[in-house]
Amino acid sequence: MGRINNVFKIKPDITSPVKPAAPQALQGNISFDHVFFRYELSEKTKKLIKENFIDFKDTFTRAIENNWVIKDMSFDIKAG
């Protein structure tokens, strides 16, 4: 349980704003065309992953080096 508890102790790098802005009303359709998204893991998070997922070393090494969350995704969102 020690390794999994270390994972649960990871604090997110992104936090909610103290005073979030109110969203405006949206109209029309939304299209996403060939979207890619990735983010950099902090060194602390990389270290925790390497230490606590020893059994999945190859998988997580690739994930750390190539941490795409979305790769070449396209979709449309219709109004309503």
N, C-alpha and C. Protein backbone atom coordinates (compact mmCIF):
# COMPACT_ATOMS: atom_id res chain seq x y z
N MET A 1 0.82 -1.20 0.00
CA MET A 1 0.00 0.00 0.00
C MET A 1 0.85 1.26 0.00
N GLY A 2 2.11 1.16 0.38
CA GLY A 2 2.95 2.34 0.47
C GLY A 2 3.12 3.04 -0.87
N ARG A 3 3.33 2.26 -1.94
CA ARG A 3 3.54 2.88 -3.25
C ARG A 3 2.28 3.60 -3.74
N ILE A 4 1.13 2.97 -3.58
CA ILE A 4 -0.10 3.61 -4.05
C ILE A 4 -0.42 4.85 -3.23
N ASN A 5 -0.11 4.82 -1.94
CA ASN A 5 -0.34 6.01 -1.11
C ASN A 5 0.53 7.17 -1.58
N ASN A 6 1.74 6.88 -2.05
CA ASN A 6 2.60 7.94 -2.59
C ASN A 6 1.96 8.59 -3.81
N VAL A 7 1.30 7.78 -4.64
CA VAL A 7 0.63 8.32 -5.82
C VAL A 7 -0.51 9.24 -5.40
N PHE A 8 -1.27 8.85 -4.39
CA PHE A 8 -2.39 9.67 -3.92
C PHE A 8 -1.92 10.98 -3.29
N LYS A 9 -0.66 11.04 -2.89
CA LYS A 9 -0.12 12.26 -2.28
C LYS A 9 0.29 13.31 -3.32
N ILE A 10 0.30 12.94 -4.60
CA ILE A 10 0.70 13.87 -5.65
C ILE A 10 -0.31 15.02 -5.71
N LYS A 11 0.19 16.23 -5.59
CA LYS A 11 -0.66 17.43 -5.67
C LYS A 11 -0.70 17.90 -7.13
N PRO A 12 -1.88 18.24 -7.64
CA PRO A 12 -1.94 18.72 -9.03
C PRO A 12 -1.21 20.05 -9.19
N ASP A 13 -0.58 20.22 -10.34
CA ASP A 13 0.11 21.48 -10.64
C ASP A 13 -0.88 22.58 -11.01
N ILE A 14 -2.07 22.19 -11.46
CA ILE A 14 -3.09 23.16 -11.87
C ILE A 14 -4.14 23.24 -10.78
N THR A 15 -4.46 24.44 -10.35
CA THR A 15 -5.48 24.64 -9.32
C THR A 15 -6.56 25.57 -9.83
N SER A 16 -7.71 25.55 -9.19
CA SER A 16 -8.83 26.43 -9.56
C SER A 16 -8.55 27.85 -9.07
N PRO A 17 -8.99 28.85 -9.84
CA PRO A 17 -8.79 30.23 -9.40
C PRO A 17 -9.67 30.55 -8.19
N VAL A 18 -9.23 31.50 -7.38
CA VAL A 18 -9.99 31.90 -6.21
C VAL A 18 -11.32 32.51 -6.63
N LYS A 19 -11.30 33.38 -7.65
CA LYS A 19 -12.52 34.00 -8.16
C LYS A 19 -12.66 33.67 -9.65
N PRO A 20 -13.28 32.53 -9.98
CA PRO A 20 -13.40 32.16 -11.39
C PRO A 20 -14.35 33.10 -12.14
N ALA A 21 -14.08 33.33 -13.40
CA ALA A 21 -14.94 34.17 -14.23
C ALA A 21 -16.20 33.40 -14.60
N ALA A 22 -17.32 34.09 -14.65
CA ALA A 22 -18.59 33.47 -15.05
C ALA A 22 -18.56 33.22 -16.56
N PRO A 23 -19.00 32.05 -17.01
CA PRO A 23 -18.99 31.76 -18.44
C PRO A 23 -20.07 32.55 -19.18
N GLN A 24 -19.78 32.91 -20.42
CA GLN A 24 -20.76 33.59 -21.26
C GLN A 24 -21.60 32.55 -21.98
N ALA A 25 -22.81 32.93 -22.38
CA ALA A 25 -23.68 32.02 -23.12
C ALA A 25 -23.06 31.73 -24.49
N LEU A 26 -23.10 30.47 -24.91
CA LEU A 26 -22.54 30.07 -26.19
C LEU A 26 -23.65 29.87 -27.21
N GLN A 27 -23.35 30.17 -28.47
CA GLN A 27 -24.29 29.95 -29.56
C GLN A 27 -23.55 29.27 -30.70
N GLY A 28 -24.25 28.44 -31.46
CA GLY A 28 -23.65 27.81 -32.63
C GLY A 28 -22.95 26.51 -32.31
N ASN A 29 -22.32 25.95 -33.32
CA ASN A 29 -21.61 24.68 -33.21
C ASN A 29 -20.14 24.91 -32.87
N ILE A 30 -19.51 23.88 -32.37
CA ILE A 30 -18.08 23.93 -32.08
C ILE A 30 -17.42 22.77 -32.83
N SER A 31 -16.35 23.05 -33.55
CA SER A 31 -15.62 22.02 -34.27
C SER A 31 -14.17 21.98 -33.81
N PHE A 32 -13.68 20.78 -33.59
CA PHE A 32 -12.27 20.56 -33.28
C PHE A 32 -11.70 19.74 -34.43
N ASP A 33 -10.62 20.22 -35.04
CA ASP A 33 -10.07 19.58 -36.22
C ASP A 33 -8.59 19.27 -36.01
N HIS A 34 -8.26 18.00 -35.94
CA HIS A 34 -6.88 17.53 -35.75
C HIS A 34 -6.25 18.15 -34.50
N VAL A 35 -6.87 17.91 -33.37
CA VAL A 35 -6.42 18.48 -32.09
C VAL A 35 -5.35 17.59 -31.46
N PHE A 36 -4.29 18.21 -30.97
CA PHE A 36 -3.25 17.54 -30.19
C PHE A 36 -3.13 18.29 -28.87
N PHE A 37 -2.95 17.56 -27.78
CA PHE A 37 -2.76 18.21 -26.48
C PHE A 37 -1.84 17.35 -25.63
N ARG A 38 -0.87 18.00 -25.02
CA ARG A 38 0.00 17.31 -24.06
C ARG A 38 0.45 18.31 -23.02
N TYR A 39 1.02 17.81 -21.96
CA TYR A 39 1.50 18.66 -20.88
C TYR A 39 2.78 18.06 -20.33
N GLU A 40 3.57 18.88 -19.72
CA GLU A 40 4.81 18.42 -19.11
C GLU A 40 4.55 18.02 -17.66
N LEU A 41 5.06 16.88 -17.27
CA LEU A 41 4.96 16.45 -15.88
C LEU A 41 6.08 17.12 -15.08
N SER A 42 5.78 17.47 -13.85
CA SER A 42 6.83 18.04 -13.00
C SER A 42 7.86 16.95 -12.68
N GLU A 43 9.05 17.36 -12.35
CA GLU A 43 10.11 16.40 -12.01
C GLU A 43 9.70 15.55 -10.81
N LYS A 44 9.00 16.15 -9.87
CA LYS A 44 8.53 15.41 -8.69
C LYS A 44 7.56 14.30 -9.09
N THR A 45 6.65 14.61 -10.00
CA THR A 45 5.68 13.61 -10.47
C THR A 45 6.38 12.50 -11.24
N LYS A 46 7.34 12.86 -12.11
CA LYS A 46 8.10 11.85 -12.85
C LYS A 46 8.81 10.90 -11.90
N LYS A 47 9.41 11.45 -10.86
CA LYS A 47 10.14 10.63 -9.88
C LYS A 47 9.18 9.68 -9.16
N LEU A 48 8.02 10.19 -8.73
CA LEU A 48 7.05 9.34 -8.05
C LEU A 48 6.55 8.22 -8.96
N ILE A 49 6.33 8.52 -10.22
CA ILE A 49 5.88 7.49 -11.17
C ILE A 49 6.96 6.42 -11.31
N LYS A 50 8.21 6.83 -11.50
CA LYS A 50 9.30 5.87 -11.67
C LYS A 50 9.48 5.00 -10.43
N GLU A 51 9.31 5.58 -9.24
CA GLU A 51 9.52 4.84 -8.00
C GLU A 51 8.36 3.90 -7.68
N ASN A 52 7.14 4.26 -8.06
CA ASN A 52 5.97 3.53 -7.60
C ASN A 52 5.32 2.64 -8.64
N PHE A 53 5.78 2.70 -9.87
CA PHE A 53 5.23 1.83 -10.90
C PHE A 53 6.34 1.02 -11.55
N ILE A 54 7.17 0.43 -10.71
CA ILE A 54 8.33 -0.35 -11.16
C ILE A 54 7.90 -1.47 -12.10
N ASP A 55 6.76 -2.13 -11.80
CA ASP A 55 6.30 -3.25 -12.61
C ASP A 55 5.89 -2.82 -14.02
N PHE A 56 5.63 -1.54 -14.22
CA PHE A 56 5.19 -1.03 -15.51
C PHE A 56 6.22 -0.04 -16.07
N LYS A 57 7.49 -0.30 -15.77
CA LYS A 57 8.57 0.64 -16.10
C LYS A 57 8.55 1.07 -17.57
N ASP A 58 8.45 0.11 -18.50
CA ASP A 58 8.49 0.45 -19.92
C ASP A 58 7.31 1.31 -20.33
N THR A 59 6.13 0.95 -19.87
CA THR A 59 4.92 1.71 -20.21
C THR A 59 5.01 3.13 -19.69
N PHE A 60 5.39 3.30 -18.44
CA PHE A 60 5.42 4.64 -17.85
C PHE A 60 6.60 5.46 -18.34
N THR A 61 7.69 4.82 -18.72
CA THR A 61 8.81 5.57 -19.30
C THR A 61 8.37 6.22 -20.60
N ARG A 62 7.65 5.46 -21.44
CA ARG A 62 7.13 6.03 -22.69
C ARG A 62 6.11 7.12 -22.39
N ALA A 63 5.28 6.93 -21.38
CA ALA A 63 4.27 7.93 -21.03
C ALA A 63 4.91 9.22 -20.56
N ILE A 64 5.97 9.11 -19.79
CA ILE A 64 6.67 10.30 -19.29
C ILE A 64 7.32 11.07 -20.45
N GLU A 65 7.89 10.34 -21.40
CA GLU A 65 8.60 10.98 -22.50
C GLU A 65 7.65 11.48 -23.59
N ASN A 66 6.50 10.86 -23.74
CA ASN A 66 5.58 11.19 -24.82
C ASN A 66 4.18 11.30 -24.24
N ASN A 67 3.96 12.29 -23.41
CA ASN A 67 2.73 12.37 -22.63
C ASN A 67 1.60 13.10 -23.35
N TRP A 68 1.25 12.62 -24.54
CA TRP A 68 0.11 13.17 -25.26
C TRP A 68 -1.17 12.69 -24.58
N VAL A 69 -2.06 13.61 -24.31
CA VAL A 69 -3.37 13.27 -23.77
C VAL A 69 -4.35 13.07 -24.92
N ILE A 70 -4.22 13.92 -25.95
CA ILE A 70 -5.05 13.82 -27.16
C ILE A 70 -4.11 13.87 -28.36
N LYS A 71 -4.32 12.93 -29.31
CA LYS A 71 -3.49 12.89 -30.51
C LYS A 71 -4.39 12.84 -31.74
N ASP A 72 -4.36 13.91 -32.53
CA ASP A 72 -5.04 13.99 -33.82
C ASP A 72 -6.53 13.64 -33.71
N MET A 73 -7.22 14.31 -32.83
CA MET A 73 -8.64 14.05 -32.62
C MET A 73 -9.47 15.14 -33.30
N SER A 74 -10.51 14.73 -34.02
CA SER A 74 -11.43 15.66 -34.67
C SER A 74 -12.85 15.29 -34.28
N PHE A 75 -13.66 16.31 -33.96
CA PHE A 75 -15.07 16.07 -33.65
C PHE A 75 -15.83 17.38 -33.69
N ASP A 76 -17.16 17.27 -33.81
CA ASP A 76 -18.06 18.42 -33.84
C ASP A 76 -19.04 18.32 -32.68
N ILE A 77 -19.36 19.46 -32.10
CA ILE A 77 -20.37 19.54 -31.05
C ILE A 77 -21.48 20.44 -31.58
N LYS A 78 -22.66 19.86 -31.72
CA LYS A 78 -23.80 20.60 -32.25
C LYS A 78 -24.41 21.47 -31.16
N ALA A 79 -24.98 22.60 -31.56
CA ALA A 79 -25.64 23.51 -30.62
C ALA A 79 -26.80 22.80 -29.92
N GLY A 80 -26.99 23.18 -28.68
CA GLY A 80 -28.13 22.64 -27.92
C GLY A 80 -27.73 21.54 -27.05
